[in-house]
C-alpha atoms as a PDB file:
ATOM      1  CA  MET A   1      42.541 130.046 132.196  1.00  0.00           C
ATOM      2  CA  LYS A   2      46.064 128.507 130.934  1.00  0.00           C
ATOM      3  CA  ASN A   3      48.010 131.664 132.078  1.00  0.00           C
ATOM      4  CA  ALA A   4      46.615 131.249 135.532  1.00  0.00           C
ATOM      5  CA  LEU A   5      47.674 127.558 135.395  1.00  0.00           C
ATOM      6  CA  MET A   6      51.017 128.319 134.472  1.00  0.00           C
ATOM      7  CA  LEU A   7      51.568 131.042 137.266  1.00  0.00           C
ATOM      8  CA  PHE A   8      50.212 128.687 139.966  1.00  0.00           C
ATOM      9  CA  LEU A   9      52.709 126.169 138.926  1.00  0.00           C
ATOM     10  CA  CYS A  10      55.666 128.296 138.805  1.00  0.00           C
ATOM     11  CA  LEU A  11      55.378 129.563 142.120  1.00  0.00           C
ATOM     12  CA  THR A  12      57.357 127.795 145.111  1.00  0.00           C
ATOM     13  CA  PRO A  13      56.676 127.030 147.691  1.00  0.00           C
ATOM     14  CA  LEU A  14      52.999 125.861 147.274  1.00  0.00           C
ATOM     15  CA  THR A  15      50.645 126.731 150.273  1.00  0.00           C
ATOM     16  CA  ILE A  16      48.737 124.526 149.434  1.00  0.00           C
ATOM     17  CA  LYS A  17      25.267  99.625 146.936  1.00  0.00           C
ATOM     18  CA  ALA A  18      24.793 102.897 146.003  1.00  0.00           C
ATOM     19  CA  ASP A  19      22.410 105.598 146.991  1.00  0.00           C
ATOM     20  CA  PRO A  20      21.962 108.812 145.656  1.00  0.00           C
ATOM     21  CA  ILE A  21      24.658 111.634 146.028  1.00  0.00           C
ATOM     22  CA  GLN A  22      23.289 113.702 148.651  1.00  0.00           C
ATOM     23  CA  VAL A  23      25.776 116.309 149.453  1.00  0.00           C
ATOM     24  CA  PRO A  24      26.018 117.605 153.310  1.00  0.00           C
ATOM     25  CA  ILE A  25      24.702 121.507 153.654  1.00  0.00           C
ATOM     26  CA  VAL A  26      28.466 122.600 155.382  1.00  0.00           C
ATOM     27  CA  THR A  27      30.078 121.186 151.755  1.00  0.00           C
ATOM     28  CA  GLU A  28      30.059 124.142 149.964  1.00  0.00           C
ATOM     29  CA  ASN A  29      31.682 126.133 152.766  1.00  0.00           C
ATOM     30  CA  VAL A  30      34.229 123.142 153.482  1.00  0.00           C
ATOM     31  CA  ARG A  31      35.089 123.431 149.730  1.00  0.00           C
ATOM     32  CA  ILE A  32      35.835 127.007 149.727  1.00  0.00           C
ATOM     33  CA  VAL A  33      38.055 126.808 153.032  1.00  0.00           C
ATOM     34  CA  HIS A  34      39.841 123.652 151.610  1.00  0.00           C
ATOM     35  CA  ALA A  35      40.604 125.748 148.354  1.00  0.00           C
ATOM     36  CA  ARG A  36      41.710 128.936 150.107  1.00  0.00           C
ATOM     37  CA  GLU A  37      44.251 126.413 152.310  1.00  0.00           C
ATOM     38  CA  LEU A  38      45.549 124.685 149.028  1.00  0.00           C
ATOM     39  CA  MET A  39      46.506 127.513 147.036  1.00  0.00           C
ATOM     40  CA  GLY A  40      46.588 130.566 149.494  1.00  0.00           C
ATOM     41  CA  SER A  41      46.518 134.105 147.511  1.00  0.00           C
ATOM     42  CA  ARG A  42      46.382 132.040 143.988  1.00  0.00           C
ATOM     43  CA  TYR A  43      42.656 130.982 145.090  1.00  0.00           C
ATOM     44  CA  TYR A  44      41.382 134.444 144.083  1.00  0.00           C
ATOM     45  CA  SER A  45      42.391 133.832 140.600  1.00  0.00           C
ATOM     46  CA  LYS A  46      39.706 132.591 138.123  1.00  0.00           C
ATOM     47  CA  SER A  47      41.011 129.350 137.700  1.00  0.00           C
ATOM     48  CA  VAL A  48      39.331 128.275 140.854  1.00  0.00           C
ATOM     49  CA  VAL A  49      37.511 130.922 142.822  1.00  0.00           C
ATOM     50  CA  SER A  50      34.766 131.141 140.518  1.00  0.00           C
ATOM     51  CA  LYS A  51      33.970 127.479 140.200  1.00  0.00           C
ATOM     52  CA  ALA A  52      34.235 127.196 143.966  1.00  0.00           C
ATOM     53  CA  GLN A  53      31.811 129.747 145.326  1.00  0.00           C
ATOM     54  CA  LEU A  54      29.079 129.891 142.060  1.00  0.00           C
ATOM     55  CA  ASN A  55      29.120 126.421 141.314  1.00  0.00           C
ATOM     56  CA  SER A  56      25.964 125.029 143.153  1.00  0.00           C
ATOM     57  CA  ASN A  57      25.748 121.722 141.005  1.00  0.00           C
ATOM     58  CA  TYR A  58      28.984 120.523 141.534  1.00  0.00           C
ATOM     59  CA  GLU A  59      28.190 116.676 142.516  1.00  0.00           C
ATOM     60  CA  HIS A  60      26.780 116.205 139.314  1.00  0.00           C
ATOM     61  CA  ASN A  61      29.755 117.340 137.632  1.00  0.00           C
ATOM     62  CA  MET A  62      32.233 115.446 139.526  1.00  0.00           C
ATOM     63  CA  LEU A  63      29.961 112.279 138.988  1.00  0.00           C
ATOM     64  CA  ALA A  64      30.454 113.341 135.222  1.00  0.00           C
ATOM     65  CA  ILE A  65      34.161 113.281 136.072  1.00  0.00           C
ATOM     66  CA  VAL A  66      34.204 110.462 137.973  1.00  0.00           C
ATOM     67  CA  THR A  67      32.106 108.295 135.181  1.00  0.00           C
ATOM     68  CA  LYS A  68      34.371 109.418 132.162  1.00  0.00           C
ATOM     69  CA  ARG A  69      37.297 108.580 133.867  1.00  0.00           C
ATOM     70  CA  LEU A  70      36.616 105.068 135.600  1.00  0.00           C
ATOM     71  CA  PRO A  71      37.594 101.898 133.641  1.00  0.00           C
ATOM     72  CA  LYS A  72      34.259 100.436 131.707  1.00  0.00           C
ATOM     73  CA  ALA A  73      33.774  97.610 134.173  1.00  0.00           C
ATOM     74  CA  TYR A  74      33.607  99.990 136.809  1.00  0.00           C
ATOM     75  CA  LYS A  75      31.448 102.766 135.259  1.00  0.00           C
ATOM     76  CA  LYS A  76      28.271 100.989 136.988  1.00  0.00           C
ATOM     77  CA  ASP A  77      29.944 101.899 140.365  1.00  0.00           C
ATOM     78  CA  SER A  78      30.335 105.720 139.498  1.00  0.00           C
ATOM     79  CA  GLU A  79      27.483 107.192 141.700  1.00  0.00           C
ATOM     80  CA  ALA A  80      28.932 105.077 144.745  1.00  0.00           C
ATOM     81  CA  ILE A  81      32.221 106.176 144.189  1.00  0.00           C
ATOM     82  CA  THR A  82      31.431 110.234 143.676  1.00  0.00           C
ATOM     83  CA  ASN A  83      28.992 109.697 146.462  1.00  0.00           C
ATOM     84  CA  VAL A  84      31.723 108.439 148.767  1.00  0.00           C
ATOM     85  CA  ILE A  85      34.467 110.861 147.688  1.00  0.00           C
ATOM     86  CA  ILE A  86      32.119 113.740 148.686  1.00  0.00           C
ATOM     87  CA  LYS A  87      30.684 112.185 151.704  1.00  0.00           C
ATOM     88  CA  GLU A  88      34.640 111.304 153.169  1.00  0.00           C
ATOM     89  CA  ALA A  89      35.688 114.512 151.843  1.00  0.00           C
ATOM     90  CA  THR A  90      33.449 116.896 153.592  1.00  0.00           C
ATOM     91  CA  LEU A  91      33.554 114.631 156.970  1.00  0.00           C
ATOM     92  CA  HIS A  92      37.187 115.402 156.986  1.00  0.00           C
ATOM     93  CA  SER A  93      36.572 119.216 155.848  1.00  0.00           C
ATOM     94  CA  LEU A  94      38.554 118.554 152.568  1.00  0.00           C
ATOM     95  CA  ASP A  95      37.535 119.832 149.322  1.00  0.00           C
ATOM     96  CA  PRO A  96      36.050 116.866 147.554  1.00  0.00           C
ATOM     97  CA  PHE A  97      37.621 117.776 144.219  1.00  0.00           C
ATOM     98  CA  PHE A  98      41.155 117.732 146.303  1.00  0.00           C
ATOM     99  CA  VAL A  99      40.395 113.959 146.681  1.00  0.00           C
ATOM    100  CA  MET A 100      39.644 113.600 143.596  1.00  0.00           C
ATOM    101  CA  ALA A 101      42.883 115.097 142.123  1.00  0.00           C
ATOM    102  CA  ILE A 102      44.774 112.811 144.372  1.00  0.00           C
ATOM    103  CA  ILE A 103      42.993 109.564 142.978  1.00  0.00           C
ATOM    104  CA  SER A 104      43.595 110.650 139.894  1.00  0.00           C
ATOM    105  CA  GLY A 105      47.121 111.538 140.451  1.00  0.00           C
ATOM    106  CA  GLU A 106      47.495 107.945 142.369  1.00  0.00           C
ATOM    107  CA  SER A 107      45.845 105.454 139.967  1.00  0.00           C
ATOM    108  CA  SER A 108      44.188 107.136 137.202  1.00  0.00           C
ATOM    109  CA  PHE A 109      40.777 106.396 138.606  1.00  0.00           C
ATOM    110  CA  ASN A 110      42.087 102.472 138.128  1.00  0.00           C
ATOM    111  CA  PRO A 111      40.693 100.671 141.063  1.00  0.00           C
ATOM    112  CA  LEU A 112      42.853  97.749 139.931  1.00  0.00           C
ATOM    113  CA  ALA A 113      45.798  99.748 140.149  1.00  0.00           C
ATOM    114  CA  ILE A 114      49.031  98.054 142.157  1.00  0.00           C
ATOM    115  CA  GLY A 115      52.108 100.264 142.867  1.00  0.00           C
ATOM    116  CA  PRO A 116      55.478  99.706 142.922  1.00  0.00           C
ATOM    117  CA  VAL A 117      55.950  98.695 146.491  1.00  0.00           C
ATOM    118  CA  GLY A 118      52.325  97.238 146.650  1.00  0.00           C
ATOM    119  CA  GLU A 119      49.978  99.879 147.239  1.00  0.00           C
ATOM    120  CA  ILE A 120      46.515  99.271 146.213  1.00  0.00           C
ATOM    121  CA  GLY A 121      43.489 100.637 144.587  1.00  0.00           C
ATOM    122  CA  LEU A 122      42.234 104.155 143.602  1.00  0.00           C
ATOM    123  CA  MET A 123      44.179 105.939 146.278  1.00  0.00           C
ATOM    124  CA  GLN A 124      47.243 103.805 146.355  1.00  0.00           C
ATOM    125  CA  LEU A 125      47.175 102.764 150.106  1.00  0.00           C
ATOM    126  CA  ARG A 126      49.562 100.336 151.456  1.00  0.00           C
ATOM    127  CA  ALA A 127      47.815  97.284 153.119  1.00  0.00           C
ATOM    128  CA  SER A 128      49.858  98.565 156.760  1.00  0.00           C
ATOM    129  CA  THR A 129      48.337 102.081 156.026  1.00  0.00           C
ATOM    130  CA  GLY A 130      44.753 100.780 155.367  1.00  0.00           C
ATOM    131  CA  GLU A 131      44.861  98.694 158.725  1.00  0.00           C
ATOM    132  CA  TRP A 132      45.772 101.325 160.673  1.00  0.00           C
ATOM    133  CA  MET A 133      43.324 103.576 159.064  1.00  0.00           C
ATOM    134  CA  ALA A 134      40.892 100.956 159.393  1.00  0.00           C
ATOM    135  CA  LYS A 135      41.579 100.693 163.163  1.00  0.00           C
ATOM    136  CA  VAL A 136      41.539 104.576 163.750  1.00  0.00           C
ATOM    137  CA  THR A 137      38.220 105.042 161.544  1.00  0.00           C
ATOM    138  CA  LYS A 138      36.319 101.757 163.472  1.00  0.00           C
ATOM    139  CA  SER A 139      36.009 100.386 159.829  1.00  0.00           C
ATOM    140  CA  PRO A 140      35.723  96.787 158.957  1.00  0.00           C
ATOM    141  CA  TRP A 141      39.388  95.273 157.639  1.00  0.00           C
ATOM    142  CA  LYS A 142      39.770  92.227 155.603  1.00  0.00           C
ATOM    143  CA  GLY A 143      43.237  92.829 154.482  1.00  0.00           C
ATOM    144  CA  GLU A 144      44.207  93.919 151.109  1.00  0.00           C
ATOM    145  CA  LYS A 145      40.837  92.550 149.878  1.00  0.00           C
ATOM    146  CA  SER A 146      39.526  95.930 151.903  1.00  0.00           C
ATOM    147  CA  LEU A 147      41.973  98.003 149.741  1.00  0.00           C
ATOM    148  CA  LYS A 148      40.348  96.442 146.138  1.00  0.00           C
ATOM    149  CA  ASP A 149      36.950  98.162 147.102  1.00  0.00           C
ATOM    150  CA  PRO A 150      36.599 101.261 145.645  1.00  0.00           C
ATOM    151  CA  VAL A 151      34.557 102.916 148.368  1.00  0.00           C
ATOM    152  CA  THR A 152      36.608 101.126 151.301  1.00  0.00           C
ATOM    153  CA  ASN A 153      39.536 102.552 149.524  1.00  0.00           C
ATOM    154  CA  ILE A 154      38.402 106.236 149.405  1.00  0.00           C
ATOM    155  CA  ARG A 155      36.947 106.237 152.915  1.00  0.00           C
ATOM    156  CA  LEU A 156      40.659 104.874 154.013  1.00  0.00           C
ATOM    157  CA  GLY A 157      42.880 107.091 152.173  1.00  0.00           C
ATOM    158  CA  THR A 158      40.371 110.156 152.682  1.00  0.00           C
ATOM    159  CA  ALA A 159      41.018 109.550 156.494  1.00  0.00           C
ATOM    160  CA  TYR A 160      44.734 108.968 156.201  1.00  0.00           C
ATOM    161  CA  LEU A 161      44.895 112.838 154.039  1.00  0.00           C
ATOM    162  CA  ALA A 162      43.399 114.556 156.757  1.00  0.00           C
ATOM    163  CA  TRP A 163      45.528 112.756 159.303  1.00  0.00           C
ATOM    164  CA  LEU A 164      48.365 114.338 157.362  1.00  0.00           C
ATOM    165  CA  ARG A 165      46.863 117.310 157.154  1.00  0.00           C
ATOM    166  CA  GLN A 166      46.491 117.664 160.876  1.00  0.00           C
ATOM    167  CA  LYS A 167      50.159 116.656 161.238  1.00  0.00           C
ATOM    168  CA  PHE A 168      51.555 119.151 159.119  1.00  0.00           C
ATOM    169  CA  SER A 169      49.302 121.981 160.480  1.00  0.00           C
ATOM    170  CA  GLY A 170      47.149 122.760 157.137  1.00  0.00           C
ATOM    171  CA  GLN A 171      50.767 122.937 155.166  1.00  0.00           C
ATOM    172  CA  GLY A 172      49.352 121.965 151.857  1.00  0.00           C
ATOM    173  CA  GLN A 173      52.633 121.516 150.054  1.00  0.00           C
ATOM    174  CA  LEU A 174      53.858 119.297 152.989  1.00  0.00           C
ATOM    175  CA  TYR A 175      50.883 116.797 153.693  1.00  0.00           C
ATOM    176  CA  VAL A 176      50.513 116.162 149.747  1.00  0.00           C
ATOM    177  CA  ALA A 177      54.003 115.353 149.456  1.00  0.00           C
ATOM    178  CA  ALA A 178      53.948 113.269 152.702  1.00  0.00           C
ATOM    179  CA  TYR A 179      50.673 111.411 150.968  1.00  0.00           C
ATOM    180  CA  ASN A 180      53.195 110.258 148.196  1.00  0.00           C
ATOM    181  CA  MET A 181      56.619 109.739 150.017  1.00  0.00           C
ATOM    182  CA  GLY A 182      55.499 109.506 153.918  1.00  0.00           C
ATOM    183  CA  PRO A 183      55.575 111.936 156.947  1.00  0.00           C
ATOM    184  CA  SER A 184      59.055 110.784 157.838  1.00  0.00           C
ATOM    185  CA  SER A 185      60.829 111.616 154.900  1.00  0.00           C
ATOM    186  CA  VAL A 186      58.842 114.854 154.344  1.00  0.00           C
ATOM    187  CA  ARG A 187      60.247 115.648 157.775  1.00  0.00           C
ATOM    188  CA  ASN A 188      63.926 115.098 157.314  1.00  0.00           C
ATOM    189  CA  ALA A 189      63.738 116.963 154.018  1.00  0.00           C
ATOM    190  CA  VAL A 190      62.104 119.976 155.671  1.00  0.00           C
ATOM    191  CA  GLY A 191      64.989 119.275 158.354  1.00  0.00           C
ATOM    192  CA  ARG A 192      67.586 119.630 155.477  1.00  0.00           C
ATOM    193  CA  LYS A 193      65.648 122.846 153.744  1.00  0.00           C
ATOM    194  CA  ILE A 194      64.483 120.835 150.966  1.00  0.00           C
ATOM    195  CA  TYR A 195      60.703 121.218 150.276  1.00  0.00           C
ATOM    196  CA  PRO A 196      59.384 118.398 148.080  1.00  0.00           C
ATOM    197  CA  LYS A 197      57.505 120.194 144.842  1.00  0.00           C
ATOM    198  CA  ASP A 198      57.127 117.578 142.275  1.00  0.00           C
ATOM    199  CA  TYR A 199      54.331 115.718 143.503  1.00  0.00           C
ATOM    200  CA  PRO A 200      51.836 118.551 145.236  1.00  0.00           C
ATOM    201  CA  ARG A 201      52.588 120.213 141.568  1.00  0.00           C
ATOM    202  CA  HIS A 202      51.404 117.195 140.070  1.00  0.00           C
ATOM    203  CA  VAL A 203      48.205 116.809 142.002  1.00  0.00           C
ATOM    204  CA  MET A 204      47.380 120.571 142.300  1.00  0.00           C
ATOM    205  CA  ARG A 205      47.969 120.774 138.519  1.00  0.00           C
ATOM    206  CA  LYS A 206      44.978 117.982 138.453  1.00  0.00           C
ATOM    207  CA  TYR A 207      42.925 119.629 141.126  1.00  0.00           C
ATOM    208  CA  VAL A 208      42.736 123.155 138.917  1.00  0.00           C
ATOM    209  CA  GLU A 209      42.258 121.346 135.604  1.00  0.00           C
ATOM    210  CA  PHE A 210      39.369 119.294 137.499  1.00  0.00           C
ATOM    211  CA  TYR A 211      37.741 123.263 138.631  1.00  0.00           C
ATOM    212  CA  ALA A 212      38.450 124.308 134.746  1.00  0.00           C
ATOM    213  CA  GLU A 213      37.017 121.478 133.421  1.00  0.00           C
ATOM    214  CA  ILE A 214      33.020 122.145 135.462  1.00  0.00           C
END
């Protein structure tokens, strides 16, 4: 596992209240398709492929991971948070483990995290981005207060990820980088033949490690 992970990280460019957890039937296929998109040929290393294809109880593994990482005050909400990760990821044809990797990379699962330029919550959204995504998804918007709610934060953050994925034609390295530095900055960098690597590697390392954990 360690050797497969190190090989993946060295290759560039990357191709890359609570109801009971209810997983849509299509989720398994969504996970596999998106995992292949993110990892390209490296998907077939045992670091992801065996877990993505064979683990039928992954939602319970995800719940354990989320519960372990949430601050003590939010552990009571772990089921609701896990449920919305799975639901929204599936809605947007994303691997829920990828969404979880973004959350880990952005906020280390701290719903109260505030970024250096005003990013808020689990997925570190700016208020302007949150308001825009609320309009796109026809979700209620109560200003920054909405982003401090973990469920709303994940719903809007996942929608933004899906939008970026579409804008960058499914090129994992680019849409993952754009989540961190903005789509315009990524386009400008690519125009100068610079392909952002650090943040995508950071997220994909967590992605592979989460699969290794289940």
